[in-house]
Amino acid sequence: GGTASLADWRGKYVLVNFWATWCAPCRKEM
């Protein structure tokens, strides 16, 4: 419920995955 930004993950490699519940390719790769 809080908020964050990518700066909160500094110090590590991050793979940010943008997806949606209605997205069939998202379901396939998750």
PDB file of all heavy atoms in Angstrom:
ATOM      1  N   GLY A   1       0.781  -1.221   0.000  1.00  0.00           N
ATOM      2  CA  GLY A   1       0.000   0.000   0.000  1.00  0.00           C
ATOM      3  C   GLY A   1       0.814   1.273   0.000  1.00  0.00           C
ATOM      4  O   GLY A   1       0.302   2.325  -0.335  1.00  0.00           O
ATOM      5  N   GLY A   2       2.077   1.215   0.338  1.00  0.00           N
ATOM      6  CA  GLY A   2       2.920   2.407   0.308  1.00  0.00           C
ATOM      7  C   GLY A   2       3.383   2.697  -1.112  1.00  0.00           C
ATOM      8  O   GLY A   2       2.912   2.096  -2.076  1.00  0.00           O
ATOM      9  N   THR A   3       4.294   3.652  -1.226  1.00  0.00           N
ATOM     10  CA  THR A   3       4.855   3.971  -2.536  1.00  0.00           C
ATOM     11  C   THR A   3       6.367   3.801  -2.508  1.00  0.00           C
ATOM     12  O   THR A   3       6.987   3.828  -1.444  1.00  0.00           O
ATOM     13  CB  THR A   3       4.510   5.406  -2.977  1.00  0.00           C
ATOM     14  OG1 THR A   3       5.049   6.320  -2.033  1.00  0.00           O
ATOM     15  CG2 THR A   3       3.018   5.600  -3.127  1.00  0.00           C
ATOM     16  N   ALA A   4       6.938   3.631  -3.698  1.00  0.00           N
ATOM     17  CA  ALA A   4       8.382   3.482  -3.845  1.00  0.00           C
ATOM     18  C   ALA A   4       8.779   3.985  -5.222  1.00  0.00           C
ATOM     19  O   ALA A   4       7.923   4.266  -6.070  1.00  0.00           O
ATOM     20  CB  ALA A   4       8.781   2.015  -3.687  1.00  0.00           C
ATOM     21  N   SER A   5      10.071   4.100  -5.433  1.00  0.00           N
ATOM     22  CA  SER A   5      10.613   4.409  -6.755  1.00  0.00           C
ATOM     23  C   SER A   5      11.776   3.454  -6.989  1.00  0.00           C
ATOM     24  O   SER A   5      12.222   2.751  -6.072  1.00  0.00           O
ATOM     25  CB  SER A   5      11.082   5.865  -6.841  1.00  0.00           C
ATOM     26  OG  SER A   5      12.297   6.044  -6.140  1.00  0.00           O
ATOM     27  N   LEU A   6      12.278   3.426  -8.206  1.00  0.00           N
ATOM     28  CA  LEU A   6      13.392   2.523  -8.514  1.00  0.00           C
ATOM     29  C   LEU A   6      14.641   2.850  -7.695  1.00  0.00           C
ATOM     30  O   LEU A   6      15.482   1.985  -7.485  1.00  0.00           O
ATOM     31  CB  LEU A   6      13.701   2.565 -10.009  1.00  0.00           C
ATOM     32  CG  LEU A   6      12.599   1.992 -10.904  1.00  0.00           C
ATOM     33  CD1 LEU A   6      12.983   2.134 -12.368  1.00  0.00           C
ATOM     34  CD2 LEU A   6      12.324   0.537 -10.560  1.00  0.00           C
ATOM     35  N   ALA A   7      14.744   4.079  -7.196  1.00  0.00           N
ATOM     36  CA  ALA A   7      15.883   4.454  -6.351  1.00  0.00           C
ATOM     37  C   ALA A   7      15.959   3.587  -5.095  1.00  0.00           C
ATOM     38  O   ALA A   7      17.041   3.379  -4.544  1.00  0.00           O
ATOM     39  CB  ALA A   7      15.792   5.930  -5.965  1.00  0.00           C
ATOM     40  N   ASP A   8      14.821   3.051  -4.673  1.00  0.00           N
ATOM     41  CA  ASP A   8      14.800   2.192  -3.481  1.00  0.00           C
ATOM     42  C   ASP A   8      15.512   0.866  -3.712  1.00  0.00           C
ATOM     43  O   ASP A   8      15.757   0.133  -2.757  1.00  0.00           O
ATOM     44  CB  ASP A   8      13.357   1.949  -3.034  1.00  0.00           C
ATOM     45  CG  ASP A   8      12.677   3.230  -2.581  1.00  0.00           C
ATOM     46  OD1 ASP A   8      13.300   4.011  -1.840  1.00  0.00           O
ATOM     47  OD2 ASP A   8      11.523   3.462  -2.992  1.00  0.00           O
ATOM     48  N   TRP A   9      15.833   0.541  -4.960  1.00  0.00           N
ATOM     49  CA  TRP A   9      16.524  -0.709  -5.297  1.00  0.00           C
ATOM     50  C   TRP A   9      17.963  -0.468  -5.713  1.00  0.00           C
ATOM     51  O   TRP A   9      18.625  -1.369  -6.198  1.00  0.00           O
ATOM     52  CB  TRP A   9      15.761  -1.446  -6.401  1.00  0.00           C
ATOM     53  CG  TRP A   9      14.619  -2.231  -5.859  1.00  0.00           C
ATOM     54  CD1 TRP A   9      14.627  -3.562  -5.563  1.00  0.00           C
ATOM     55  CD2 TRP A   9      13.317  -1.763  -5.527  1.00  0.00           C
ATOM     56  NE1 TRP A   9      13.403  -3.934  -5.059  1.00  0.00           N
ATOM     57  CE2 TRP A   9      12.575  -2.840  -5.029  1.00  0.00           C
ATOM     58  CE3 TRP A   9      12.694  -0.515  -5.593  1.00  0.00           C
ATOM     59  CZ2 TRP A   9      11.259  -2.735  -4.607  1.00  0.00           C
ATOM     60  CZ3 TRP A   9      11.386  -0.397  -5.172  1.00  0.00           C
ATOM     61  CH2 TRP A   9      10.689  -1.501  -4.683  1.00  0.00           C
ATOM     62  N   ARG A  10      18.481   0.743  -5.492  1.00  0.00           N
ATOM     63  CA  ARG A  10      19.877   1.021  -5.838  1.00  0.00           C
ATOM     64  C   ARG A  10      20.787   0.076  -5.077  1.00  0.00           C
ATOM     65  O   ARG A  10      20.509  -0.330  -3.962  1.00  0.00           O
ATOM     66  CB  ARG A  10      20.242   2.465  -5.495  1.00  0.00           C
ATOM     67  CG  ARG A  10      19.645   3.453  -6.442  1.00  0.00           C
ATOM     68  CD  ARG A  10      20.708   4.157  -7.264  1.00  0.00           C
ATOM     69  NE  ARG A  10      20.106   4.929  -8.338  1.00  0.00           N
ATOM     70  CZ  ARG A  10      19.836   6.213  -8.280  1.00  0.00           C
ATOM     71  NH1 ARG A  10      20.096   6.888  -7.186  1.00  0.00           N
ATOM     72  NH2 ARG A  10      19.302   6.825  -9.311  1.00  0.00           N
ATOM     73  N   GLY A  11      21.882  -0.271  -5.730  1.00  0.00           N
ATOM     74  CA  GLY A  11      22.841  -1.179  -5.106  1.00  0.00           C
ATOM     75  C   GLY A  11      22.715  -2.610  -5.601  1.00  0.00           C
ATOM     76  O   GLY A  11      23.513  -3.460  -5.236  1.00  0.00           O
ATOM     77  N   LYS A  12      21.698  -2.877  -6.435  1.00  0.00           N
ATOM     78  CA  LYS A  12      21.544  -4.213  -6.996  1.00  0.00           C
ATOM     79  C   LYS A  12      21.024  -4.109  -8.424  1.00  0.00           C
ATOM     80  O   LYS A  12      20.477  -3.082  -8.818  1.00  0.00           O
ATOM     81  CB  LYS A  12      20.622  -5.085  -6.157  1.00  0.00           C
ATOM     82  CG  LYS A  12      19.172  -4.636  -6.112  1.00  0.00           C
ATOM     83  CD  LYS A  12      18.216  -5.645  -5.493  1.00  0.00           C
ATOM     84  CE  LYS A  12      18.461  -5.902  -4.050  1.00  0.00           C
ATOM     85  NZ  LYS A  12      17.503  -6.846  -3.451  1.00  0.00           N
ATOM     86  N   TYR A  13      21.237  -5.156  -9.179  1.00  0.00           N
ATOM     87  CA  TYR A  13      20.634  -5.237 -10.506  1.00  0.00           C
ATOM     88  C   TYR A  13      19.157  -5.558 -10.328  1.00  0.00           C
ATOM     89  O   TYR A  13      18.792  -6.386  -9.487  1.00  0.00           O
ATOM     90  CB  TYR A  13      21.293  -6.338 -11.348  1.00  0.00           C
ATOM     91  CG  TYR A  13      22.665  -5.956 -11.823  1.00  0.00           C
ATOM     92  CD1 TYR A  13      23.796  -6.363 -11.119  1.00  0.00           C
ATOM     93  CD2 TYR A  13      22.835  -5.183 -12.967  1.00  0.00           C
ATOM     94  CE1 TYR A  13      25.059  -6.010 -11.546  1.00  0.00           C
ATOM     95  CE2 TYR A  13      24.101  -4.832 -13.402  1.00  0.00           C
ATOM     96  CZ  TYR A  13      25.207  -5.241 -12.685  1.00  0.00           C
ATOM     97  OH  TYR A  13      26.457  -4.886 -13.113  1.00  0.00           O
ATOM     98  N   VAL A  14      18.308  -4.885 -11.104  1.00  0.00           N
ATOM     99  CA  VAL A  14      16.872  -5.090 -11.013  1.00  0.00           C
ATOM    100  C   VAL A  14      16.321  -5.318 -12.420  1.00  0.00           C
ATOM    101  O   VAL A  14      16.632  -4.560 -13.341  1.00  0.00           O
ATOM    102  CB  VAL A  14      16.167  -3.868 -10.371  1.00  0.00           C
ATOM    103  CG1 VAL A  14      14.671  -4.094 -10.265  1.00  0.00           C
ATOM    104  CG2 VAL A  14      16.760  -3.554  -9.012  1.00  0.00           C
ATOM    105  N   LEU A  15      15.557  -6.367 -12.558  1.00  0.00           N
ATOM    106  CA  LEU A  15      14.829  -6.611 -13.800  1.00  0.00           C
ATOM    107  C   LEU A  15      13.394  -6.174 -13.547  1.00  0.00           C
ATOM    108  O   LEU A  15      12.643  -6.841 -12.826  1.00  0.00           O
ATOM    109  CB  LEU A  15      14.889  -8.083 -14.203  1.00  0.00           C
ATOM    110  CG  LEU A  15      14.198  -8.428 -15.518  1.00  0.00           C
ATOM    111  CD1 LEU A  15      14.867  -7.704 -16.695  1.00  0.00           C
ATOM    112  CD2 LEU A  15      14.199  -9.925 -15.742  1.00  0.00           C
ATOM    113  N   VAL A  16      13.021  -5.008 -14.064  1.00  0.00           N
ATOM    114  CA  VAL A  16      11.682  -4.459 -13.874  1.00  0.00           C
ATOM    115  C   VAL A  16      10.804  -4.993 -14.998  1.00  0.00           C
ATOM    116  O   VAL A  16      11.100  -4.778 -16.169  1.00  0.00           O
ATOM    117  CB  VAL A  16      11.694  -2.912 -13.912  1.00  0.00           C
ATOM    118  CG1 VAL A  16      10.294  -2.362 -13.653  1.00  0.00           C
ATOM    119  CG2 VAL A  16      12.694  -2.352 -12.916  1.00  0.00           C
ATOM    120  N   ASN A  17       9.742  -5.688 -14.620  1.00  0.00           N
ATOM    121  CA  ASN A  17       8.841  -6.274 -15.600  1.00  0.00           C
ATOM    122  C   ASN A  17       7.493  -5.564 -15.518  1.00  0.00           C
ATOM    123  O   ASN A  17       6.819  -5.607 -14.494  1.00  0.00           O
ATOM    124  CB  ASN A  17       8.681  -7.775 -15.339  1.00  0.00           C
ATOM    125  CG  ASN A  17       7.723  -8.414 -16.312  1.00  0.00           C
ATOM    126  OD1 ASN A  17       6.568  -8.659 -15.987  1.00  0.00           O
ATOM    127  ND2 ASN A  17       8.210  -8.689 -17.512  1.00  0.00           N
ATOM    128  N   PHE A  18       7.131  -4.879 -16.616  1.00  0.00           N
ATOM    129  CA  PHE A  18       5.830  -4.233 -16.726  1.00  0.00           C
ATOM    130  C   PHE A  18       4.871  -5.241 -17.344  1.00  0.00           C
ATOM    131  O   PHE A  18       5.149  -5.804 -18.408  1.00  0.00           O
ATOM    132  CB  PHE A  18       5.925  -2.990 -17.618  1.00  0.00           C
ATOM    133  CG  PHE A  18       6.736  -1.877 -17.017  1.00  0.00           C
ATOM    134  CD1 PHE A  18       8.095  -1.773 -17.271  1.00  0.00           C
ATOM    135  CD2 PHE A  18       6.141  -0.936 -16.187  1.00  0.00           C
ATOM    136  CE1 PHE A  18       8.846  -0.751 -16.724  1.00  0.00           C
ATOM    137  CE2 PHE A  18       6.889   0.088 -15.627  1.00  0.00           C
ATOM    138  CZ  PHE A  18       8.257   0.187 -15.897  1.00  0.00           C
ATOM    139  N   TRP A  19       3.732  -5.490 -16.689  1.00  0.00           N
ATOM    140  CA  TRP A  19       2.799  -6.524 -17.125  1.00  0.00           C
ATOM    141  C   TRP A  19       1.376  -6.116 -16.760  1.00  0.00           C
ATOM    142  O   TRP A  19       1.161  -5.095 -16.109  1.00  0.00           O
ATOM    143  CB  TRP A  19       3.162  -7.866 -16.481  1.00  0.00           C
ATOM    144  CG  TRP A  19       2.929  -7.883 -14.986  1.00  0.00           C
ATOM    145  CD1 TRP A  19       3.735  -7.358 -14.020  1.00  0.00           C
ATOM    146  CD2 TRP A  19       1.800  -8.415 -14.317  1.00  0.00           C
ATOM    147  NE1 TRP A  19       3.168  -7.536 -12.785  1.00  0.00           N
ATOM    148  CE2 TRP A  19       1.985  -8.195 -12.940  1.00  0.00           C
ATOM    149  CE3 TRP A  19       0.648  -9.070 -14.747  1.00  0.00           C
ATOM    150  CZ2 TRP A  19       1.055  -8.600 -11.988  1.00  0.00           C
ATOM    151  CZ3 TRP A  19      -0.277  -9.474 -13.793  1.00  0.00           C
ATOM    152  CH2 TRP A  19      -0.060  -9.238 -12.433  1.00  0.00           C
ATOM    153  N   ALA A  20       0.412  -6.910 -17.177  1.00  0.00           N
ATOM    154  CA  ALA A  20      -0.993  -6.679 -16.820  1.00  0.00           C
ATOM    155  C   ALA A  20      -1.705  -8.019 -16.705  1.00  0.00           C
ATOM    156  O   ALA A  20      -1.317  -9.004 -17.341  1.00  0.00           O
ATOM    157  CB  ALA A  20      -1.679  -5.809 -17.867  1.00  0.00           C
ATOM    158  N   THR A  21      -2.746  -8.036 -15.914  1.00  0.00           N
ATOM    159  CA  THR A  21      -3.500  -9.273 -15.679  1.00  0.00           C
ATOM    160  C   THR A  21      -4.168  -9.794 -16.942  1.00  0.00           C
ATOM    161  O   THR A  21      -4.379 -10.991 -17.080  1.00  0.00           O
ATOM    162  CB  THR A  21      -4.581  -9.055 -14.597  1.00  0.00           C
ATOM    163  OG1 THR A  21      -5.427  -7.971 -15.004  1.00  0.00           O
ATOM    164  CG2 THR A  21      -3.949  -8.734 -13.249  1.00  0.00           C
ATOM    165  N   TRP A  22      -4.509  -8.923 -17.877  1.00  0.00           N
ATOM    166  CA  TRP A  22      -5.207  -9.304 -19.103  1.00  0.00           C
ATOM    167  C   TRP A  22      -4.256  -9.698 -20.230  1.00  0.00           C
ATOM    168  O   TRP A  22      -4.686 -10.080 -21.316  1.00  0.00           O
ATOM    169  CB  TRP A  22      -6.097  -8.154 -19.577  1.00  0.00           C
ATOM    170  CG  TRP A  22      -5.379  -6.829 -19.598  1.00  0.00           C
ATOM    171  CD1 TRP A  22      -5.421  -5.867 -18.637  1.00  0.00           C
ATOM    172  CD2 TRP A  22      -4.492  -6.349 -20.607  1.00  0.00           C
ATOM    173  NE1 TRP A  22      -4.617  -4.802 -18.975  1.00  0.00           N
ATOM    174  CE2 TRP A  22      -4.030  -5.084 -20.193  1.00  0.00           C
ATOM    175  CE3 TRP A  22      -4.028  -6.855 -21.819  1.00  0.00           C
ATOM    176  CZ2 TRP A  22      -3.140  -4.321 -20.942  1.00  0.00           C
ATOM    177  CZ3 TRP A  22      -3.134  -6.093 -22.563  1.00  0.00           C
ATOM    178  CH2 TRP A  22      -2.703  -4.843 -22.127  1.00  0.00           C
ATOM    179  N   CYS A  23      -2.958  -9.636 -19.985  1.00  0.00           N
ATOM    180  CA  CYS A  23      -1.933  -9.815 -21.019  1.00  0.00           C
ATOM    181  C   CYS A  23      -1.504 -11.289 -21.128  1.00  0.00           C
ATOM    182  O   CYS A  23      -0.850 -11.811 -20.225  1.00  0.00           O
ATOM    183  CB  CYS A  23      -0.745  -8.924 -20.667  1.00  0.00           C
ATOM    184  SG  CYS A  23       0.754  -9.206 -21.593  1.00  0.00           S
ATOM    185  N   ALA A  24      -1.875 -11.939 -22.229  1.00  0.00           N
ATOM    186  CA  ALA A  24      -1.525 -13.358 -22.425  1.00  0.00           C
ATOM    187  C   ALA A  24      -0.012 -13.592 -22.466  1.00  0.00           C
ATOM    188  O   ALA A  24       0.483 -14.527 -21.830  1.00  0.00           O
ATOM    189  CB  ALA A  24      -2.191 -13.894 -23.683  1.00  0.00           C
ATOM    190  N   PRO A  25       0.795 -12.774 -23.163  1.00  0.00           N
ATOM    191  CA  PRO A  25       2.245 -12.990 -23.133  1.00  0.00           C
ATOM    192  C   PRO A  25       2.840 -12.811 -21.725  1.00  0.00           C
ATOM    193  O   PRO A  25       3.816 -13.468 -21.375  1.00  0.00           O
ATOM    194  CB  PRO A  25       2.801 -11.948 -24.105  1.00  0.00           C
ATOM    195  CG  PRO A  25       1.664 -11.611 -25.007  1.00  0.00           C
ATOM    196  CD  PRO A  25       0.432 -11.754 -24.154  1.00  0.00           C
ATOM    197  N   CYS A  26       2.216 -11.944 -20.925  1.00  0.00           N
ATOM    198  CA  CYS A  26       2.670 -11.754 -19.542  1.00  0.00           C
ATOM    199  C   CYS A  26       2.464 -13.044 -18.754  1.00  0.00           C
ATOM    200  O   CYS A  26       3.333 -13.470 -17.989  1.00  0.00           O
ATOM    201  CB  CYS A  26       1.909 -10.615 -18.871  1.00  0.00           C
ATOM    202  SG  CYS A  26       2.088  -9.011 -19.691  1.00  0.00           S
ATOM    203  N   ARG A  27       1.307 -13.646 -18.939  1.00  0.00           N
ATOM    204  CA  ARG A  27       0.991 -14.918 -18.269  1.00  0.00           C
ATOM    205  C   ARG A  27       2.005 -15.991 -18.678  1.00  0.00           C
ATOM    206  O   ARG A  27       2.455 -16.775 -17.861  1.00  0.00           O
ATOM    207  CB  ARG A  27      -0.428 -15.348 -18.625  1.00  0.00           C
ATOM    208  CG  ARG A  27      -0.866 -16.658 -17.981  1.00  0.00           C
ATOM    209  CD  ARG A  27      -2.318 -16.955 -18.275  1.00  0.00           C
ATOM    210  NE  ARG A  27      -3.206 -15.936 -17.749  1.00  0.00           N
ATOM    211  CZ  ARG A  27      -3.669 -15.901 -16.506  1.00  0.00           C
ATOM    212  NH1 ARG A  27      -3.335 -16.859 -15.665  1.00  0.00           N
ATOM    213  NH2 ARG A  27      -4.465 -14.946 -16.104  1.00  0.00           N
ATOM    214  N   LYS A  28       2.372 -16.000 -19.959  1.00  0.00           N
ATOM    215  CA  LYS A  28       3.306 -16.990 -20.478  1.00  0.00           C
ATOM    216  C   LYS A  28       4.698 -16.844 -19.850  1.00  0.00           C
ATOM    217  O   LYS A  28       5.332 -17.837 -19.506  1.00  0.00           O
ATOM    218  CB  LYS A  28       3.404 -16.849 -22.005  1.00  0.00           C
ATOM    219  CG  LYS A  28       4.384 -17.774 -22.654  1.00  0.00           C
ATOM    220  CD  LYS A  28       4.442 -17.528 -24.158  1.00  0.00           C
ATOM    221  CE  LYS A  28       5.587 -18.282 -24.785  1.00  0.00           C
ATOM    222  NZ  LYS A  28       5.831 -17.870 -26.170  1.00  0.00           N
ATOM    223  N   GLU A  29       5.189 -15.602 -19.686  1.00  0.00           N
ATOM    224  CA  GLU A  29       6.564 -15.408 -19.215  1.00  0.00           C
ATOM    225  C   GLU A  29       6.714 -15.359 -17.691  1.00  0.00           C
ATOM    226  O   GLU A  29       7.805 -15.539 -17.178  1.00  0.00           O
ATOM    227  CB  GLU A  29       7.192 -14.173 -19.847  1.00  0.00           C
ATOM    228  CG  GLU A  29       6.890 -12.873 -19.178  1.00  0.00           C
ATOM    229  CD  GLU A  29       7.699 -11.707 -19.722  1.00  0.00           C
ATOM    230  OE1 GLU A  29       8.731 -11.903 -20.381  1.00  0.00           O
ATOM    231  OE2 GLU A  29       7.269 -10.573 -19.481  1.00  0.00           O
ATOM    232  N   MET A  30       5.635 -15.117 -16.966  1.00  0.00           N
ATOM    233  CA  MET A  30       5.733 -14.921 -15.512  1.00  0.00           C
ATOM    234  C   MET A  30       6.401 -16.096 -14.781  1.00  0.00           C
ATOM    235  O   MET A  30       7.231 -15.867 -13.897  1.00  0.00           O
ATOM    236  CB  MET A  30       4.366 -14.610 -14.921  1.00  0.00           C
ATOM    237  CG  MET A  30       4.410 -14.010 -13.536  1.00  0.00           C
ATOM    238  SD  MET A  30       5.223 -12.390 -13.405  1.00  0.00           S
ATOM    239  CE  MET A  30       4.032 -11.308 -14.165  1.00  0.00           C
TER     240      MET A  30
END
